[in-house]
Amino acid sequence: MLIERARTALGDGRWADAVAATAEHRRHYQLGLLAEEREAIAIEALWARGSAKEARRRWHRFGKRFPTSSYRHALTQLMAPGDD
C-alpha cells in the first residue's frame, strides 16, 4: 500500500508525498521485497523535486545494491550529466 501511494504521488507530481511514502516504507520494510521499486521511486521523486545531490547519493547506493535492476536504464537516463 505504501509503494502504491508513493507511485501514485510520483505520477501526480507530488514529489514530497512520494518521498515521504518511500521513507515510511523503508522504516517498516527496509529489506522487503519491494525495496528495489521503493528506492527507484524515491530517487526519481528526489530528482524531480530538485534534490539532485540526495538523488545521486541514493542512486550510487542503488547501483551497488541492485546492479542488474530493470530500473537502472531509466534512472541512468533521468540523471544523465548536465540534467541537473
PDB file of N, CA and C in Angstrom:
ATOM      1  N   MET A   1       0.813  -1.189   0.000  1.00  0.00           N
ATOM      2  CA  MET A   1       0.000   0.000   0.000  1.00  0.00           C
ATOM      3  C   MET A   1       0.872   1.275   0.000  1.00  0.00           C
ATOM      4  N   LEU A   2       1.957   1.270   0.748  1.00  0.00           N
ATOM      5  CA  LEU A   2       2.846   2.435   0.776  1.00  0.00           C
ATOM      6  C   LEU A   2       3.514   2.647  -0.576  1.00  0.00           C
ATOM      7  N   ILE A   3       3.894   1.566  -1.225  1.00  0.00           N
ATOM      8  CA  ILE A   3       4.517   1.693  -2.548  1.00  0.00           C
ATOM      9  C   ILE A   3       3.498   2.226  -3.546  1.00  0.00           C
ATOM     10  N   GLU A   4       2.272   1.752  -3.467  1.00  0.00           N
ATOM     11  CA  GLU A   4       1.224   2.257  -4.359  1.00  0.00           C
ATOM     12  C   GLU A   4       0.992   3.747  -4.108  1.00  0.00           C
ATOM     13  N   ARG A   5       0.989   4.151  -2.850  1.00  0.00           N
ATOM     14  CA  ARG A   5       0.827   5.571  -2.512  1.00  0.00           C
ATOM     15  C   ARG A   5       1.984   6.391  -3.090  1.00  0.00           C
ATOM     16  N   ALA A   6       3.199   5.866  -2.962  1.00  0.00           N
ATOM     17  CA  ALA A   6       4.375   6.561  -3.494  1.00  0.00           C
ATOM     18  C   ALA A   6       4.308   6.653  -5.018  1.00  0.00           C
ATOM     19  N   ARG A   7       3.933   5.554  -5.657  1.00  0.00           N
ATOM     20  CA  ARG A   7       3.838   5.519  -7.117  1.00  0.00           C
ATOM     21  C   ARG A   7       2.789   6.524  -7.622  1.00  0.00           C
ATOM     22  N   THR A   8       1.646   6.567  -6.945  1.00  0.00           N
ATOM     23  CA  THR A   8       0.574   7.498  -7.324  1.00  0.00           C
ATOM     24  C   THR A   8       1.031   8.944  -7.139  1.00  0.00           C
ATOM     25  N   ALA A   9       1.665   9.223  -6.008  1.00  0.00           N
ATOM     26  CA  ALA A   9       2.151  10.589  -5.751  1.00  0.00           C
ATOM     27  C   ALA A   9       3.178  10.998  -6.798  1.00  0.00           C
ATOM     28  N   LEU A  10       4.063  10.090  -7.155  1.00  0.00           N
ATOM     29  CA  LEU A  10       5.064  10.379  -8.187  1.00  0.00           C
ATOM     30  C   LEU A  10       4.382  10.710  -9.508  1.00  0.00           C
ATOM     31  N   GLY A  11       3.409   9.903  -9.882  1.00  0.00           N
ATOM     32  CA  GLY A  11       2.668  10.137 -11.124  1.00  0.00           C
ATOM     33  C   GLY A  11       1.894  11.435 -11.139  1.00  0.00           C
ATOM     34  N   ASP A  12       1.471  11.873  -9.955  1.00  0.00           N
ATOM     35  CA  ASP A  12       0.702  13.122  -9.830  1.00  0.00           C
ATOM     36  C   ASP A  12       1.590  14.345  -9.656  1.00  0.00           C
ATOM     37  N   GLY A  13       2.911  14.133  -9.608  1.00  0.00           N
ATOM     38  CA  GLY A  13       3.816  15.256  -9.423  1.00  0.00           C
ATOM     39  C   GLY A  13       3.896  15.747  -7.990  1.00  0.00           C
ATOM     40  N   ARG A  14       3.464  14.927  -7.056  1.00  0.00           N
ATOM     41  CA  ARG A  14       3.548  15.284  -5.638  1.00  0.00           C
ATOM     42  C   ARG A  14       4.819  14.651  -5.074  1.00  0.00           C
ATOM     43  N   TRP A  15       5.953  15.288  -5.398  1.00  0.00           N
ATOM     44  CA  TRP A  15       7.267  14.718  -5.089  1.00  0.00           C
ATOM     45  C   TRP A  15       7.469  14.497  -3.596  1.00  0.00           C
ATOM     46  N   ALA A  16       7.115  15.474  -2.791  1.00  0.00           N
ATOM     47  CA  ALA A  16       7.315  15.355  -1.341  1.00  0.00           C
ATOM     48  C   ALA A  16       6.501  14.192  -0.767  1.00  0.00           C
ATOM     49  N   ASP A  17       5.285  13.998  -1.262  1.00  0.00           N
ATOM     50  CA  ASP A  17       4.455  12.886  -0.795  1.00  0.00           C
ATOM     51  C   ASP A  17       5.066  11.548  -1.206  1.00  0.00           C
ATOM     52  N   ALA A  18       5.628  11.496  -2.404  1.00  0.00           N
ATOM     53  CA  ALA A  18       6.268  10.264  -2.870  1.00  0.00           C
ATOM     54  C   ALA A  18       7.473   9.922  -2.004  1.00  0.00           C
ATOM     55  N   VAL A  19       8.282  10.925  -1.712  1.00  0.00           N
ATOM     56  CA  VAL A  19       9.463  10.714  -0.858  1.00  0.00           C
ATOM     57  C   VAL A  19       9.020  10.282   0.539  1.00  0.00           C
ATOM     58  N   ALA A  20       7.994  10.911   1.076  1.00  0.00           N
ATOM     59  CA  ALA A  20       7.509  10.561   2.418  1.00  0.00           C
ATOM     60  C   ALA A  20       6.997   9.122   2.468  1.00  0.00           C
ATOM     61  N   ALA A  21       6.270   8.697   1.457  1.00  0.00           N
ATOM     62  CA  ALA A  21       5.750   7.325   1.426  1.00  0.00           C
ATOM     63  C   ALA A  21       6.883   6.314   1.314  1.00  0.00           C
ATOM     64  N   THR A  22       7.910   6.630   0.523  1.00  0.00           N
ATOM     65  CA  THR A  22       9.038   5.701   0.422  1.00  0.00           C
ATOM     66  C   THR A  22       9.828   5.654   1.728  1.00  0.00           C
ATOM     67  N   ALA A  23       9.933   6.774   2.413  1.00  0.00           N
ATOM     68  CA  ALA A  23      10.627   6.803   3.706  1.00  0.00           C
ATOM     69  C   ALA A  23       9.875   5.967   4.734  1.00  0.00           C
ATOM     70  N   GLU A  24       8.562   6.073   4.722  1.00  0.00           N
ATOM     71  CA  GLU A  24       7.759   5.273   5.653  1.00  0.00           C
ATOM     72  C   GLU A  24       7.906   3.786   5.325  1.00  0.00           C
ATOM     73  N   HIS A  25       7.878   3.451   4.053  1.00  0.00           N
ATOM     74  CA  HIS A  25       8.054   2.054   3.649  1.00  0.00           C
ATOM     75  C   HIS A  25       9.420   1.539   4.107  1.00  0.00           C
ATOM     76  N   ARG A  26      10.428   2.364   3.944  1.00  0.00           N
ATOM     77  CA  ARG A  26      11.780   1.966   4.339  1.00  0.00           C
ATOM     78  C   ARG A  26      11.868   1.713   5.851  1.00  0.00           C
ATOM     79  N   ARG A  27      11.194   2.536   6.625  1.00  0.00           N
ATOM     80  CA  ARG A  27      11.191   2.340   8.087  1.00  0.00           C
ATOM     81  C   ARG A  27      10.569   0.993   8.466  1.00  0.00           C
ATOM     82  N   HIS A  28       9.491   0.625   7.784  1.00  0.00           N
ATOM     83  CA  HIS A  28       8.760  -0.600   8.121  1.00  0.00           C
ATOM     84  C   HIS A  28       9.309  -1.851   7.432  1.00  0.00           C
ATOM     85  N   TYR A  29       9.823  -1.690   6.220  1.00  0.00           N
ATOM     86  CA  TYR A  29      10.218  -2.852   5.405  1.00  0.00           C
ATOM     87  C   TYR A  29      11.565  -2.618   4.740  1.00  0.00           C
ATOM     88  N   GLN A  30      12.570  -2.303   5.498  1.00  0.00           N
ATOM     89  CA  GLN A  30      13.864  -1.922   4.926  1.00  0.00           C
ATOM     90  C   GLN A  30      14.377  -2.933   3.903  1.00  0.00           C
ATOM     91  N   LEU A  31      14.268  -4.211   4.190  1.00  0.00           N
ATOM     92  CA  LEU A  31      14.774  -5.242   3.281  1.00  0.00           C
ATOM     93  C   LEU A  31      13.642  -5.995   2.592  1.00  0.00           C
ATOM     94  N   GLY A  32      12.477  -5.371   2.506  1.00  0.00           N
ATOM     95  CA  GLY A  32      11.311  -6.019   1.920  1.00  0.00           C
ATOM     96  C   GLY A  32      11.451  -6.299   0.433  1.00  0.00           C
ATOM     97  N   LEU A  33      10.516  -7.077  -0.083  1.00  0.00           N
ATOM     98  CA  LEU A  33      10.522  -7.469  -1.487  1.00  0.00           C
ATOM     99  C   LEU A  33      10.411  -6.279  -2.438  1.00  0.00           C
ATOM    100  N   LEU A  34       9.830  -5.199  -1.999  1.00  0.00           N
ATOM    101  CA  LEU A  34       9.637  -4.032  -2.864  1.00  0.00           C
ATOM    102  C   LEU A  34      10.686  -2.943  -2.635  1.00  0.00           C
ATOM    103  N   ALA A  35      11.771  -3.296  -1.982  1.00  0.00           N
ATOM    104  CA  ALA A  35      12.823  -2.306  -1.686  1.00  0.00           C
ATOM    105  C   ALA A  35      13.404  -1.706  -2.962  1.00  0.00           C
ATOM    106  N   GLU A  36      13.585  -2.508  -3.980  1.00  0.00           N
ATOM    107  CA  GLU A  36      14.150  -2.013  -5.237  1.00  0.00           C
ATOM    108  C   GLU A  36      13.235  -0.970  -5.879  1.00  0.00           C
ATOM    109  N   GLU A  37      11.939  -1.278  -5.958  1.00  0.00           N
ATOM    110  CA  GLU A  37      10.990  -0.320  -6.536  1.00  0.00           C
ATOM    111  C   GLU A  37      10.897   0.925  -5.661  1.00  0.00           C
ATOM    112  N   ARG A  38      10.894   0.738  -4.356  1.00  0.00           N
ATOM    113  CA  ARG A  38      10.841   1.871  -3.423  1.00  0.00           C
ATOM    114  C   ARG A  38      11.995   2.833  -3.668  1.00  0.00           C
ATOM    115  N   GLU A  39      13.191   2.294  -3.775  1.00  0.00           N
ATOM    116  CA  GLU A  39      14.362   3.138  -3.981  1.00  0.00           C
ATOM    117  C   GLU A  39      14.309   3.841  -5.331  1.00  0.00           C
ATOM    118  N   ALA A  40      13.849   3.157  -6.363  1.00  0.00           N
ATOM    119  CA  ALA A  40      13.730   3.789  -7.686  1.00  0.00           C
ATOM    120  C   ALA A  40      12.742   4.953  -7.641  1.00  0.00           C
ATOM    121  N   ILE A  41      11.611   4.754  -6.977  1.00  0.00           N
ATOM    122  CA  ILE A  41      10.623   5.829  -6.840  1.00  0.00           C
ATOM    123  C   ILE A  41      11.214   6.998  -6.062  1.00  0.00           C
ATOM    124  N   ALA A  42      11.899   6.687  -4.975  1.00  0.00           N
ATOM    125  CA  ALA A  42      12.495   7.741  -4.148  1.00  0.00           C
ATOM    126  C   ALA A  42      13.507   8.553  -4.945  1.00  0.00           C
ATOM    127  N   ILE A  43      14.351   7.888  -5.701  1.00  0.00           N
ATOM    128  CA  ILE A  43      15.364   8.582  -6.499  1.00  0.00           C
ATOM    129  C   ILE A  43      14.705   9.497  -7.521  1.00  0.00           C
ATOM    130  N   GLU A  44      13.705   8.980  -8.216  1.00  0.00           N
ATOM    131  CA  GLU A  44      13.020   9.798  -9.222  1.00  0.00           C
ATOM    132  C   GLU A  44      12.323  11.001  -8.585  1.00  0.00           C
ATOM    133  N   ALA A  45      11.680  10.784  -7.446  1.00  0.00           N
ATOM    134  CA  ALA A  45      10.979  11.884  -6.773  1.00  0.00           C
ATOM    135  C   ALA A  45      11.966  12.926  -6.247  1.00  0.00           C
ATOM    136  N   LEU A  46      13.065  12.474  -5.673  1.00  0.00           N
ATOM    137  CA  LEU A  46      14.079  13.412  -5.192  1.00  0.00           C
ATOM    138  C   LEU A  46      14.629  14.247  -6.340  1.00  0.00           C
ATOM    139  N   TRP A  47      14.910  13.612  -7.450  1.00  0.00           N
ATOM    140  CA  TRP A  47      15.428  14.313  -8.626  1.00  0.00           C
ATOM    141  C   TRP A  47      14.413  15.346  -9.116  1.00  0.00           C
ATOM    142  N   ALA A  48      13.161  14.930  -9.210  1.00  0.00           N
ATOM    143  CA  ALA A  48      12.110  15.806  -9.729  1.00  0.00           C
ATOM    144  C   ALA A  48      11.872  17.019  -8.834  1.00  0.00           C
ATOM    145  N   ARG A  49      12.026  16.842  -7.529  1.00  0.00           N
ATOM    146  CA  ARG A  49      11.793  17.981  -6.635  1.00  0.00           C
ATOM    147  C   ARG A  49      13.022  18.868  -6.486  1.00  0.00           C
ATOM    148  N   GLY A  50      14.096  18.540  -7.192  1.00  0.00           N
ATOM    149  CA  GLY A  50      15.277  19.391  -7.186  1.00  0.00           C
ATOM    150  C   GLY A  50      16.343  19.006  -6.185  1.00  0.00           C
ATOM    151  N   SER A  51      16.220  17.842  -5.594  1.00  0.00           N
ATOM    152  CA  SER A  51      17.208  17.365  -4.623  1.00  0.00           C
ATOM    153  C   SER A  51      18.224  16.465  -5.327  1.00  0.00           C
ATOM    154  N   ALA A  52      18.941  17.055  -6.300  1.00  0.00           N
ATOM    155  CA  ALA A  52      19.848  16.284  -7.146  1.00  0.00           C
ATOM    156  C   ALA A  52      20.960  15.602  -6.354  1.00  0.00           C
ATOM    157  N   LYS A  53      21.514  16.289  -5.379  1.00  0.00           N
ATOM    158  CA  LYS A  53      22.609  15.713  -4.594  1.00  0.00           C
ATOM    159  C   LYS A  53      22.147  14.456  -3.850  1.00  0.00           C
ATOM    160  N   GLU A  54      21.002  14.553  -3.192  1.00  0.00           N
ATOM    161  CA  GLU A  54      20.428  13.405  -2.477  1.00  0.00           C
ATOM    162  C   GLU A  54      20.065  12.284  -3.447  1.00  0.00           C
ATOM    163  N   ALA A  55      19.489  12.638  -4.603  1.00  0.00           N
ATOM    164  CA  ALA A  55      19.129  11.626  -5.604  1.00  0.00           C
ATOM    165  C   ALA A  55      20.369  10.887  -6.094  1.00  0.00           C
ATOM    166  N   ARG A  56      21.438  11.605  -6.364  1.00  0.00           N
ATOM    167  CA  ARG A  56      22.677  10.970  -6.831  1.00  0.00           C
ATOM    168  C   ARG A  56      23.296  10.074  -5.754  1.00  0.00           C
ATOM    169  N   ARG A  57      23.235  10.516  -4.514  1.00  0.00           N
ATOM    170  CA  ARG A  57      23.763   9.714  -3.419  1.00  0.00           C
ATOM    171  C   ARG A  57      23.010   8.381  -3.328  1.00  0.00           C
ATOM    172  N   ARG A  58      21.695   8.449  -3.408  1.00  0.00           N
ATOM    173  CA  ARG A  58      20.890   7.230  -3.341  1.00  0.00           C
ATOM    174  C   ARG A  58      21.060   6.389  -4.597  1.00  0.00           C
ATOM    175  N   TRP A  59      21.257   7.058  -5.735  1.00  0.00           N
ATOM    176  CA  TRP A  59      21.470   6.338  -6.989  1.00  0.00           C
ATOM    177  C   TRP A  59      22.739   5.478  -6.907  1.00  0.00           C
ATOM    178  N   HIS A  60      23.779   6.021  -6.331  1.00  0.00           N
ATOM    179  CA  HIS A  60      25.026   5.257  -6.197  1.00  0.00           C
ATOM    180  C   HIS A  60      24.833   4.043  -5.296  1.00  0.00           C
ATOM    181  N   ARG A  61      24.123   4.206  -4.204  1.00  0.00           N
ATOM    182  CA  ARG A  61      23.809   3.069  -3.329  1.00  0.00           C
ATOM    183  C   ARG A  61      22.932   2.054  -4.049  1.00  0.00           C
ATOM    184  N   PHE A  62      21.967   2.559  -4.815  1.00  0.00           N
ATOM    185  CA  PHE A  62      21.067   1.700  -5.575  1.00  0.00           C
ATOM    186  C   PHE A  62      21.868   0.821  -6.536  1.00  0.00           C
ATOM    187  N   GLY A  63      22.809   1.430  -7.261  1.00  0.00           N
ATOM    188  CA  GLY A  63      23.615   0.689  -8.224  1.00  0.00           C
ATOM    189  C   GLY A  63      24.414  -0.430  -7.591  1.00  0.00           C
ATOM    190  N   LYS A  64      24.891  -0.205  -6.381  1.00  0.00           N
ATOM    191  CA  LYS A  64      25.644  -1.248  -5.674  1.00  0.00           C
ATOM    192  C   LYS A  64      24.729  -2.356  -5.168  1.00  0.00           C
ATOM    193  N   ARG A  65      23.571  -1.969  -4.719  1.00  0.00           N
ATOM    194  CA  ARG A  65      22.635  -2.941  -4.138  1.00  0.00           C
ATOM    195  C   ARG A  65      21.863  -3.720  -5.193  1.00  0.00           C
ATOM    196  N   PHE A  66      21.548  -3.061  -6.312  1.00  0.00           N
ATOM    197  CA  PHE A  66      20.730  -3.686  -7.359  1.00  0.00           C
ATOM    198  C   PHE A  66      21.425  -3.547  -8.715  1.00  0.00           C
ATOM    199  N   PRO A  67      22.569  -4.174  -8.910  1.00  0.00           N
ATOM    200  CA  PRO A  67      23.346  -3.961 -10.138  1.00  0.00           C
ATOM    201  C   PRO A  67      22.657  -4.425 -11.426  1.00  0.00           C
ATOM    202  N   THR A  68      21.703  -5.311 -11.339  1.00  0.00           N
ATOM    203  CA  THR A  68      21.013  -5.795 -12.535  1.00  0.00           C
ATOM    204  C   THR A  68      19.559  -5.328 -12.599  1.00  0.00           C
ATOM    205  N   SER A  69      19.244  -4.276 -11.884  1.00  0.00           N
ATOM    206  CA  SER A  69      17.874  -3.782 -11.797  1.00  0.00           C
ATOM    207  C   SER A  69      17.308  -3.367 -13.151  1.00  0.00           C
ATOM    208  N   SER A  70      16.046  -3.661 -13.335  1.00  0.00           N
ATOM    209  CA  SER A  70      15.352  -3.216 -14.547  1.00  0.00           C
ATOM    210  C   SER A  70      15.106  -1.700 -14.518  1.00  0.00           C
ATOM    211  N   TYR A  71      15.259  -1.067 -13.371  1.00  0.00           N
ATOM    212  CA  TYR A  71      15.088   0.382 -13.240  1.00  0.00           C
ATOM    213  C   TYR A  71      16.357   1.152 -13.619  1.00  0.00           C
ATOM    214  N   ARG A  72      17.456   0.462 -13.720  1.00  0.00           N
ATOM    215  CA  ARG A  72      18.756   1.104 -13.945  1.00  0.00           C
ATOM    216  C   ARG A  72      18.799   2.010 -15.175  1.00  0.00           C
ATOM    217  N   HIS A  73      18.317   1.508 -16.294  1.00  0.00           N
ATOM    218  CA  HIS A  73      18.387   2.285 -17.532  1.00  0.00           C
ATOM    219  C   HIS A  73      17.596   3.593 -17.414  1.00  0.00           C
ATOM    220  N   ALA A  74      16.369   3.500 -16.930  1.00  0.00           N
ATOM    221  CA  ALA A  74      15.531   4.706 -16.811  1.00  0.00           C
ATOM    222  C   ALA A  74      16.151   5.717 -15.842  1.00  0.00           C
ATOM    223  N   LEU A  75      16.682   5.235 -14.737  1.00  0.00           N
ATOM    224  CA  LEU A  75      17.294   6.147 -13.773  1.00  0.00           C
ATOM    225  C   LEU A  75      18.585   6.743 -14.323  1.00  0.00           C
ATOM    226  N   THR A  76      19.343   5.964 -15.074  1.00  0.00           N
ATOM    227  CA  THR A  76      20.554   6.487 -15.693  1.00  0.00           C
ATOM    228  C   THR A  76      20.220   7.600 -16.665  1.00  0.00           C
ATOM    229  N   GLN A  77      19.186   7.402 -17.459  1.00  0.00           N
ATOM    230  CA  GLN A  77      18.740   8.411 -18.407  1.00  0.00           C
ATOM    231  C   GLN A  77      18.247   9.666 -17.673  1.00  0.00           C
ATOM    232  N   LEU A  78      17.515   9.462 -16.607  1.00  0.00           N
ATOM    233  CA  LEU A  78      16.984  10.584 -15.817  1.00  0.00           C
ATOM    234  C   LEU A  78      18.106  11.468 -15.282  1.00  0.00           C
ATOM    235  N   MET A  79      19.143  10.832 -14.798  1.00  0.00           N
ATOM    236  CA  MET A  79      20.191  11.569 -14.116  1.00  0.00           C
ATOM    237  C   MET A  79      21.468  11.707 -14.949  1.00  0.00           C
ATOM    238  N   ALA A  80      21.301  11.750 -16.240  1.00  0.00           N
ATOM    239  CA  ALA A  80      22.443  11.924 -17.130  1.00  0.00           C
ATOM    240  C   ALA A  80      23.157  13.238 -16.797  1.00  0.00           C
ATOM    241  N   PRO A  81      24.463  13.262 -16.902  1.00  0.00           N
ATOM    242  CA  PRO A  81      25.216  14.503 -16.595  1.00  0.00           C
ATOM    243  C   PRO A  81      24.669  15.690 -17.388  1.00  0.00           C
ATOM    244  N   GLY A  82      24.565  16.799 -16.690  1.00  0.00           N
ATOM    245  CA  GLY A  82      24.072  18.022 -17.339  1.00  0.00           C
ATOM    246  C   GLY A  82      22.596  18.243 -17.182  1.00  0.00           C
ATOM    247  N   ASP A  83      21.875  17.242 -16.641  1.00  0.00           N
ATOM    248  CA  ASP A  83      20.440  17.372 -16.474  1.00  0.00           C
ATOM    249  C   ASP A  83      20.035  18.045 -15.183  1.00  0.00           C
ATOM    250  N   ASP A  84      20.987  18.258 -14.282  1.00  0.00           N
ATOM    251  CA  ASP A  84      20.591  18.880 -13.019  1.00  0.00           C
ATOM    252  C   ASP A  84      21.001  20.331 -13.045  1.00  0.00           C
TER     253      ASP A  84
END
